[in-house]
Amino acid sequence: MDEVELKRIVWRSRRGLLELDLQLERFVADVLPQLNDAELVDYRELLQSPDNDLLDYLNGRSECPTPRLWPIIARIRAAQR
């Protein structure tokens, strides 16, 4: 993935909910640079989720309806520890 698209992904990681911003900020700083192209595509798709749904997925209050995105959600959760 090219640098321009990576910058777009980082920008889209900024959300309207502070709690969500804090979780994604840590993930973007620590894990995003290590992701391969397929994982970046999954992360970009996950970012299309509404803020409240995404927060619920990350906090385990609801399950993402797309099983293919579960591994990236797990990586975001692991970055919080």
PDB file of N, CA and C in Angstrom:
ATOM      1  N   MET A   1       0.854  -1.170   0.000  1.00  0.00           N
ATOM      2  CA  MET A   1       0.000   0.000   0.000  1.00  0.00           C
ATOM      3  C   MET A   1       0.902   1.237   0.000  1.00  0.00           C
ATOM      4  N   ASP A   2       0.539   2.229  -0.783  1.00  0.00           N
ATOM      5  CA  ASP A   2       1.397   3.405  -0.901  1.00  0.00           C
ATOM      6  C   ASP A   2       1.240   4.346   0.298  1.00  0.00           C
ATOM      7  N   GLU A   3       2.170   5.261   0.395  1.00  0.00           N
ATOM      8  CA  GLU A   3       2.229   6.162   1.555  1.00  0.00           C
ATOM      9  C   GLU A   3       1.017   7.075   1.643  1.00  0.00           C
ATOM     10  N   VAL A   4       0.490   7.500   0.524  1.00  0.00           N
ATOM     11  CA  VAL A   4      -0.698   8.367   0.529  1.00  0.00           C
ATOM     12  C   VAL A   4      -1.887   7.631   1.134  1.00  0.00           C
ATOM     13  N   GLU A   5      -2.068   6.374   0.740  1.00  0.00           N
ATOM     14  CA  GLU A   5      -3.179   5.595   1.290  1.00  0.00           C
ATOM     15  C   GLU A   5      -2.968   5.329   2.777  1.00  0.00           C
ATOM     16  N   LEU A   6      -1.743   5.094   3.192  1.00  0.00           N
ATOM     17  CA  LEU A   6      -1.472   4.923   4.628  1.00  0.00           C
ATOM     18  C   LEU A   6      -1.846   6.179   5.410  1.00  0.00           C
ATOM     19  N   LYS A   7      -1.536   7.337   4.861  1.00  0.00           N
ATOM     20  CA  LYS A   7      -1.905   8.593   5.529  1.00  0.00           C
ATOM     21  C   LYS A   7      -3.416   8.744   5.616  1.00  0.00           C
ATOM     22  N   ARG A   8      -4.118   8.296   4.582  1.00  0.00           N
ATOM     23  CA  ARG A   8      -5.585   8.336   4.619  1.00  0.00           C
ATOM     24  C   ARG A   8      -6.117   7.429   5.723  1.00  0.00           C
ATOM     25  N   ILE A   9      -5.529   6.254   5.841  1.00  0.00           N
ATOM     26  CA  ILE A   9      -5.963   5.325   6.882  1.00  0.00           C
ATOM     27  C   ILE A   9      -5.720   5.920   8.263  1.00  0.00           C
ATOM     28  N   VAL A  10      -4.561   6.528   8.460  1.00  0.00           N
ATOM     29  CA  VAL A  10      -4.261   7.159   9.746  1.00  0.00           C
ATOM     30  C   VAL A  10      -5.267   8.272  10.013  1.00  0.00           C
ATOM     31  N   TRP A  11      -5.585   9.062   9.004  1.00  0.00           N
ATOM     32  CA  TRP A  11      -6.544  10.154   9.180  1.00  0.00           C
ATOM     33  C   TRP A  11      -7.933   9.608   9.514  1.00  0.00           C
ATOM     34  N   ARG A  12      -8.347   8.547   8.845  1.00  0.00           N
ATOM     35  CA  ARG A  12      -9.658   7.945   9.110  1.00  0.00           C
ATOM     36  C   ARG A  12      -9.724   7.280  10.481  1.00  0.00           C
ATOM     37  N   SER A  13      -8.568   7.038  11.068  1.00  0.00           N
ATOM     38  CA  SER A  13      -8.530   6.450  12.407  1.00  0.00           C
ATOM     39  C   SER A  13      -8.922   7.456  13.480  1.00  0.00           C
ATOM     40  N   ARG A  14      -8.941   8.723  13.129  1.00  0.00           N
ATOM     41  CA  ARG A  14      -9.403   9.754  14.067  1.00  0.00           C
ATOM     42  C   ARG A  14     -10.919   9.768  14.025  1.00  0.00           C
ATOM     43  N   ARG A  15     -11.533   9.557  15.163  1.00  0.00           N
ATOM     44  CA  ARG A  15     -12.980   9.384  15.215  1.00  0.00           C
ATOM     45  C   ARG A  15     -13.623  10.449  16.084  1.00  0.00           C
ATOM     46  N   GLY A  16     -14.949  10.389  16.190  1.00  0.00           N
ATOM     47  CA  GLY A  16     -15.697  11.375  16.946  1.00  0.00           C
ATOM     48  C   GLY A  16     -15.846  11.066  18.422  1.00  0.00           C
ATOM     49  N   LEU A  17     -15.484   9.877  18.832  1.00  0.00           N
ATOM     50  CA  LEU A  17     -15.601   9.483  20.241  1.00  0.00           C
ATOM     51  C   LEU A  17     -14.210   9.401  20.858  1.00  0.00           C
ATOM     52  N   LEU A  18     -14.022  10.088  21.968  1.00  0.00           N
ATOM     53  CA  LEU A  18     -12.709  10.134  22.606  1.00  0.00           C
ATOM     54  C   LEU A  18     -12.204   8.738  22.949  1.00  0.00           C
ATOM     55  N   GLU A  19     -13.057   7.907  23.532  1.00  0.00           N
ATOM     56  CA  GLU A  19     -12.627   6.561  23.930  1.00  0.00           C
ATOM     57  C   GLU A  19     -12.163   5.765  22.711  1.00  0.00           C
ATOM     58  N   LEU A  20     -12.868   5.897  21.617  1.00  0.00           N
ATOM     59  CA  LEU A  20     -12.487   5.213  20.383  1.00  0.00           C
ATOM     60  C   LEU A  20     -11.187   5.787  19.833  1.00  0.00           C
ATOM     61  N   ASP A  21     -11.059   7.097  19.853  1.00  0.00           N
ATOM     62  CA  ASP A  21      -9.820   7.742  19.411  1.00  0.00           C
ATOM     63  C   ASP A  21      -8.617   7.219  20.179  1.00  0.00           C
ATOM     64  N   LEU A  22      -8.760   7.089  21.485  1.00  0.00           N
ATOM     65  CA  LEU A  22      -7.641   6.638  22.312  1.00  0.00           C
ATOM     66  C   LEU A  22      -7.232   5.208  21.960  1.00  0.00           C
ATOM     67  N   GLN A  23      -8.209   4.343  21.733  1.00  0.00           N
ATOM     68  CA  GLN A  23      -7.889   2.957  21.382  1.00  0.00           C
ATOM     69  C   GLN A  23      -7.208   2.879  20.017  1.00  0.00           C
ATOM     70  N   LEU A  24      -7.753   3.593  19.056  1.00  0.00           N
ATOM     71  CA  LEU A  24      -7.193   3.527  17.706  1.00  0.00           C
ATOM     72  C   LEU A  24      -5.847   4.239  17.623  1.00  0.00           C
ATOM     73  N   GLU A  25      -5.686   5.300  18.401  1.00  0.00           N
ATOM     74  CA  GLU A  25      -4.411   6.037  18.398  1.00  0.00           C
ATOM     75  C   GLU A  25      -3.261   5.127  18.810  1.00  0.00           C
ATOM     76  N   ARG A  26      -3.466   4.353  19.848  1.00  0.00           N
ATOM     77  CA  ARG A  26      -2.434   3.426  20.332  1.00  0.00           C
ATOM     78  C   ARG A  26      -2.152   2.357  19.280  1.00  0.00           C
ATOM     79  N   PHE A  27      -3.202   1.828  18.670  1.00  0.00           N
ATOM     80  CA  PHE A  27      -3.053   0.812  17.632  1.00  0.00           C
ATOM     81  C   PHE A  27      -2.290   1.373  16.430  1.00  0.00           C
ATOM     82  N   VAL A  28      -2.664   2.560  15.991  1.00  0.00           N
ATOM     83  CA  VAL A  28      -2.018   3.181  14.831  1.00  0.00           C
ATOM     84  C   VAL A  28      -0.530   3.410  15.103  1.00  0.00           C
ATOM     85  N   ALA A  29      -0.211   3.855  16.297  1.00  0.00           N
ATOM     86  CA  ALA A  29       1.191   4.132  16.625  1.00  0.00           C
ATOM     87  C   ALA A  29       2.024   2.860  16.762  1.00  0.00           C
ATOM     88  N   ASP A  30       1.459   1.832  17.388  1.00  0.00           N
ATOM     89  CA  ASP A  30       2.245   0.650  17.735  1.00  0.00           C
ATOM     90  C   ASP A  30       2.158  -0.501  16.730  1.00  0.00           C
ATOM     91  N   VAL A  31       1.020  -0.661  16.081  1.00  0.00           N
ATOM     92  CA  VAL A  31       0.783  -1.864  15.280  1.00  0.00           C
ATOM     93  C   VAL A  31       0.640  -1.577  13.785  1.00  0.00           C
ATOM     94  N   LEU A  32       0.009  -0.486  13.435  1.00  0.00           N
ATOM     95  CA  LEU A  32      -0.264  -0.204  12.023  1.00  0.00           C
ATOM     96  C   LEU A  32       0.970  -0.337  11.122  1.00  0.00           C
ATOM     97  N   PRO A  33       2.130   0.158  11.535  1.00  0.00           N
ATOM     98  CA  PRO A  33       3.302   0.027  10.657  1.00  0.00           C
ATOM     99  C   PRO A  33       3.714  -1.425  10.374  1.00  0.00           C
ATOM    100  N   GLN A  34       3.265  -2.358  11.205  1.00  0.00           N
ATOM    101  CA  GLN A  34       3.639  -3.768  11.054  1.00  0.00           C
ATOM    102  C   GLN A  34       2.640  -4.563  10.208  1.00  0.00           C
ATOM    103  N   LEU A  35       1.502  -3.972   9.859  1.00  0.00           N
ATOM    104  CA  LEU A  35       0.469  -4.704   9.137  1.00  0.00           C
ATOM    105  C   LEU A  35       0.863  -4.940   7.682  1.00  0.00           C
ATOM    106  N   ASN A  36       0.487  -6.101   7.171  1.00  0.00           N
ATOM    107  CA  ASN A  36       0.695  -6.364   5.751  1.00  0.00           C
ATOM    108  C   ASN A  36      -0.476  -5.764   4.957  1.00  0.00           C
ATOM    109  N   ASP A  37      -0.406  -5.836   3.643  1.00  0.00           N
ATOM    110  CA  ASP A  37      -1.427  -5.199   2.812  1.00  0.00           C
ATOM    111  C   ASP A  37      -2.827  -5.757   3.062  1.00  0.00           C
ATOM    112  N   ALA A  38      -2.959  -7.061   3.231  1.00  0.00           N
ATOM    113  CA  ALA A  38      -4.273  -7.666   3.479  1.00  0.00           C
ATOM    114  C   ALA A  38      -4.854  -7.169   4.801  1.00  0.00           C
ATOM    115  N   GLU A  39      -4.023  -7.061   5.829  1.00  0.00           N
ATOM    116  CA  GLU A  39      -4.487  -6.563   7.123  1.00  0.00           C
ATOM    117  C   GLU A  39      -4.870  -5.084   7.027  1.00  0.00           C
ATOM    118  N   LEU A  40      -4.138  -4.325   6.237  1.00  0.00           N
ATOM    119  CA  LEU A  40      -4.483  -2.918   6.042  1.00  0.00           C
ATOM    120  C   LEU A  40      -5.830  -2.774   5.340  1.00  0.00           C
ATOM    121  N   VAL A  41      -6.095  -3.639   4.397  1.00  0.00           N
ATOM    122  CA  VAL A  41      -7.394  -3.622   3.717  1.00  0.00           C
ATOM    123  C   VAL A  41      -8.505  -3.929   4.720  1.00  0.00           C
ATOM    124  N   ASP A  42      -8.297  -4.915   5.574  1.00  0.00           N
ATOM    125  CA  ASP A  42      -9.290  -5.243   6.604  1.00  0.00           C
ATOM    126  C   ASP A  42      -9.484  -4.085   7.574  1.00  0.00           C
ATOM    127  N   TYR A  43      -8.402  -3.464   7.993  1.00  0.00           N
ATOM    128  CA  TYR A  43      -8.496  -2.330   8.917  1.00  0.00           C
ATOM    129  C   TYR A  43      -9.251  -1.176   8.254  1.00  0.00           C
ATOM    130  N   ARG A  44      -8.948  -0.915   7.004  1.00  0.00           N
ATOM    131  CA  ARG A  44      -9.637   0.156   6.279  1.00  0.00           C
ATOM    132  C   ARG A  44     -11.138  -0.139   6.201  1.00  0.00           C
ATOM    133  N   GLU A  45     -11.496  -1.402   5.964  1.00  0.00           N
ATOM    134  CA  GLU A  45     -12.911  -1.775   5.935  1.00  0.00           C
ATOM    135  C   GLU A  45     -13.549  -1.601   7.300  1.00  0.00           C
ATOM    136  N   LEU A  46     -12.839  -1.996   8.349  1.00  0.00           N
ATOM    137  CA  LEU A  46     -13.365  -1.841   9.710  1.00  0.00           C
ATOM    138  C   LEU A  46     -13.637  -0.378  10.024  1.00  0.00           C
ATOM    139  N   LEU A  47     -12.790   0.510   9.538  1.00  0.00           N
ATOM    140  CA  LEU A  47     -12.969   1.936   9.789  1.00  0.00           C
ATOM    141  C   LEU A  47     -14.225   2.504   9.140  1.00  0.00           C
ATOM    142  N   GLN A  48     -14.838   1.773   8.240  1.00  0.00           N
ATOM    143  CA  GLN A  48     -16.083   2.221   7.633  1.00  0.00           C
ATOM    144  C   GLN A  48     -17.280   2.021   8.561  1.00  0.00           C
ATOM    145  N   SER A  49     -17.069   1.314   9.663  1.00  0.00           N
ATOM    146  CA  SER A  49     -18.135   1.092  10.641  1.00  0.00           C
ATOM    147  C   SER A  49     -18.472   2.391  11.352  1.00  0.00           C
ATOM    148  N   PRO A  50     -19.746   2.579  11.701  1.00  0.00           N
ATOM    149  CA  PRO A  50     -20.106   3.742  12.515  1.00  0.00           C
ATOM    150  C   PRO A  50     -19.361   3.720  13.849  1.00  0.00           C
ATOM    151  N   ASP A  51     -19.082   4.897  14.387  1.00  0.00           N
ATOM    152  CA  ASP A  51     -18.292   5.010  15.616  1.00  0.00           C
ATOM    153  C   ASP A  51     -18.826   4.139  16.747  1.00  0.00           C
ATOM    154  N   ASN A  52     -20.119   4.207  17.016  1.00  0.00           N
ATOM    155  CA  ASN A  52     -20.671   3.452  18.143  1.00  0.00           C
ATOM    156  C   ASN A  52     -20.558   1.950  17.924  1.00  0.00           C
ATOM    157  N   ASP A  53     -20.773   1.499  16.700  1.00  0.00           N
ATOM    158  CA  ASP A  53     -20.614   0.068  16.407  1.00  0.00           C
ATOM    159  C   ASP A  53     -19.159  -0.355  16.575  1.00  0.00           C
ATOM    160  N   LEU A  54     -18.257   0.441  16.047  1.00  0.00           N
ATOM    161  CA  LEU A  54     -16.834   0.120  16.151  1.00  0.00           C
ATOM    162  C   LEU A  54     -16.399   0.064  17.611  1.00  0.00           C
ATOM    163  N   LEU A  55     -16.840   0.998  18.406  1.00  0.00           N
ATOM    164  CA  LEU A  55     -16.509   0.990  19.830  1.00  0.00           C
ATOM    165  C   LEU A  55     -17.057  -0.267  20.500  1.00  0.00           C
ATOM    166  N   ASP A  56     -18.281  -0.653  20.148  1.00  0.00           N
ATOM    167  CA  ASP A  56     -18.857  -1.878  20.710  1.00  0.00           C
ATOM    168  C   ASP A  56     -18.056  -3.112  20.303  1.00  0.00           C
ATOM    169  N   TYR A  57     -17.582  -3.164  19.062  1.00  0.00           N
ATOM    170  CA  TYR A  57     -16.760  -4.298  18.624  1.00  0.00           C
ATOM    171  C   TYR A  57     -15.468  -4.367  19.429  1.00  0.00           C
ATOM    172  N   LEU A  58     -14.837  -3.219  19.599  1.00  0.00           N
ATOM    173  CA  LEU A  58     -13.550  -3.194  20.291  1.00  0.00           C
ATOM    174  C   LEU A  58     -13.676  -3.491  21.775  1.00  0.00           C
ATOM    175  N   ASN A  59     -14.797  -3.097  22.356  1.00  0.00           N
ATOM    176  CA  ASN A  59     -15.007  -3.331  23.786  1.00  0.00           C
ATOM    177  C   ASN A  59     -15.696  -4.662  24.075  1.00  0.00           C
ATOM    178  N   GLY A  60     -16.032  -5.410  23.025  1.00  0.00           N
ATOM    179  CA  GLY A  60     -16.645  -6.720  23.207  1.00  0.00           C
ATOM    180  C   GLY A  60     -18.119  -6.672  23.566  1.00  0.00           C
ATOM    181  N   ARG A  61     -18.760  -5.540  23.386  1.00  0.00           N
ATOM    182  CA  ARG A  61     -20.191  -5.434  23.694  1.00  0.00           C
ATOM    183  C   ARG A  61     -21.051  -6.034  22.590  1.00  0.00           C
ATOM    184  N   SER A  62     -20.509  -6.095  21.379  1.00  0.00           N
ATOM    185  CA  SER A  62     -21.193  -6.765  20.279  1.00  0.00           C
ATOM    186  C   SER A  62     -20.132  -7.347  19.353  1.00  0.00           C
ATOM    187  N   GLU A  63     -20.571  -8.286  18.534  1.00  0.00           N
ATOM    188  CA  GLU A  63     -19.645  -8.965  17.630  1.00  0.00           C
ATOM    189  C   GLU A  63     -19.785  -8.379  16.227  1.00  0.00           C
ATOM    190  N   CYS A  64     -18.680  -8.123  15.615  1.00  0.00           N
ATOM    191  CA  CYS A  64     -18.672  -7.630  14.241  1.00  0.00           C
ATOM    192  C   CYS A  64     -19.328  -8.683  13.348  1.00  0.00           C
ATOM    193  N   PRO A  65     -20.255  -8.274  12.482  1.00  0.00           N
ATOM    194  CA  PRO A  65     -20.941  -9.255  11.641  1.00  0.00           C
ATOM    195  C   PRO A  65     -20.074  -9.819  10.506  1.00  0.00           C
ATOM    196  N   THR A  66     -18.864  -9.317  10.346  1.00  0.00           N
ATOM    197  CA  THR A  66     -17.967  -9.785   9.291  1.00  0.00           C
ATOM    198  C   THR A  66     -16.815 -10.560   9.930  1.00  0.00           C
ATOM    199  N   PRO A  67     -16.892 -11.889   9.946  1.00  0.00           N
ATOM    200  CA  PRO A  67     -15.850 -12.698  10.606  1.00  0.00           C
ATOM    201  C   PRO A  67     -14.435 -12.420  10.102  1.00  0.00           C
ATOM    202  N   ARG A  68     -14.288 -12.031   8.847  1.00  0.00           N
ATOM    203  CA  ARG A  68     -12.962 -11.739   8.305  1.00  0.00           C
ATOM    204  C   ARG A  68     -12.277 -10.606   9.058  1.00  0.00           C
ATOM    205  N   LEU A  69     -13.056  -9.734   9.712  1.00  0.00           N
ATOM    206  CA  LEU A  69     -12.492  -8.593  10.433  1.00  0.00           C
ATOM    207  C   LEU A  69     -12.155  -8.916  11.890  1.00  0.00           C
ATOM    208  N   TRP A  70     -12.551 -10.083  12.360  1.00  0.00           N
ATOM    209  CA  TRP A  70     -12.286 -10.448  13.753  1.00  0.00           C
ATOM    210  C   TRP A  70     -10.805 -10.428  14.109  1.00  0.00           C
ATOM    211  N   PRO A  71      -9.899 -10.906  13.248  1.00  0.00           N
ATOM    212  CA  PRO A  71      -8.476 -10.858  13.616  1.00  0.00           C
ATOM    213  C   PRO A  71      -7.946  -9.426  13.804  1.00  0.00           C
ATOM    214  N   ILE A  72      -8.378  -8.491  12.978  1.00  0.00           N
ATOM    215  CA  ILE A  72      -7.890  -7.122  13.140  1.00  0.00           C
ATOM    216  C   ILE A  72      -8.476  -6.495  14.396  1.00  0.00           C
ATOM    217  N   ILE A  73      -9.705  -6.846  14.726  1.00  0.00           N
ATOM    218  CA  ILE A  73     -10.305  -6.370  15.979  1.00  0.00           C
ATOM    219  C   ILE A  73      -9.506  -6.914  17.156  1.00  0.00           C
ATOM    220  N   ALA A  74      -9.120  -8.174  17.095  1.00  0.00           N
ATOM    221  CA  ALA A  74      -8.312  -8.785  18.156  1.00  0.00           C
ATOM    222  C   ALA A  74      -6.968  -8.070  18.288  1.00  0.00           C
ATOM    223  N   ARG A  75      -6.378  -7.680  17.179  1.00  0.00           N
ATOM    224  CA  ARG A  75      -5.088  -6.960  17.231  1.00  0.00           C
ATOM    225  C   ARG A  75      -5.260  -5.578  17.863  1.00  0.00           C
ATOM    226  N   ILE A  76      -6.350  -4.915  17.561  1.00  0.00           N
ATOM    227  CA  ILE A  76      -6.608  -3.609  18.179  1.00  0.00           C
ATOM    228  C   ILE A  76      -6.799  -3.777  19.676  1.00  0.00           C
ATOM    229  N   ARG A  77      -7.564  -4.780  20.064  1.00  0.00           N
ATOM    230  CA  ARG A  77      -7.760  -5.039  21.501  1.00  0.00           C
ATOM    231  C   ARG A  77      -6.428  -5.363  22.188  1.00  0.00           C
ATOM    232  N   ALA A  78      -5.596  -6.164  21.547  1.00  0.00           N
ATOM    233  CA  ALA A  78      -4.305  -6.552  22.143  1.00  0.00           C
ATOM    234  C   ALA A  78      -3.396  -5.337  22.305  1.00  0.00           C
ATOM    235  N   ALA A  79      -3.523  -4.360  21.452  1.00  0.00           N
ATOM    236  CA  ALA A  79      -2.677  -3.161  21.541  1.00  0.00           C
ATOM    237  C   ALA A  79      -3.035  -2.317  22.766  1.00  0.00           C
ATOM    238  N   GLN A  80      -4.174  -2.586  23.373  1.00  0.00           N
ATOM    239  CA  GLN A  80      -4.617  -1.815  24.539  1.00  0.00           C
ATOM    240  C   GLN A  80      -3.987  -2.308  25.831  1.00  0.00           C
ATOM    241  N   ARG A  81      -3.389  -3.475  25.785  1.00  0.00           N
ATOM    242  CA  ARG A  81      -2.844  -4.075  27.015  1.00  0.00           C
ATOM    243  C   ARG A  81      -1.464  -3.589  27.310  1.00  0.00           C
TER     244      ARG A  81
END
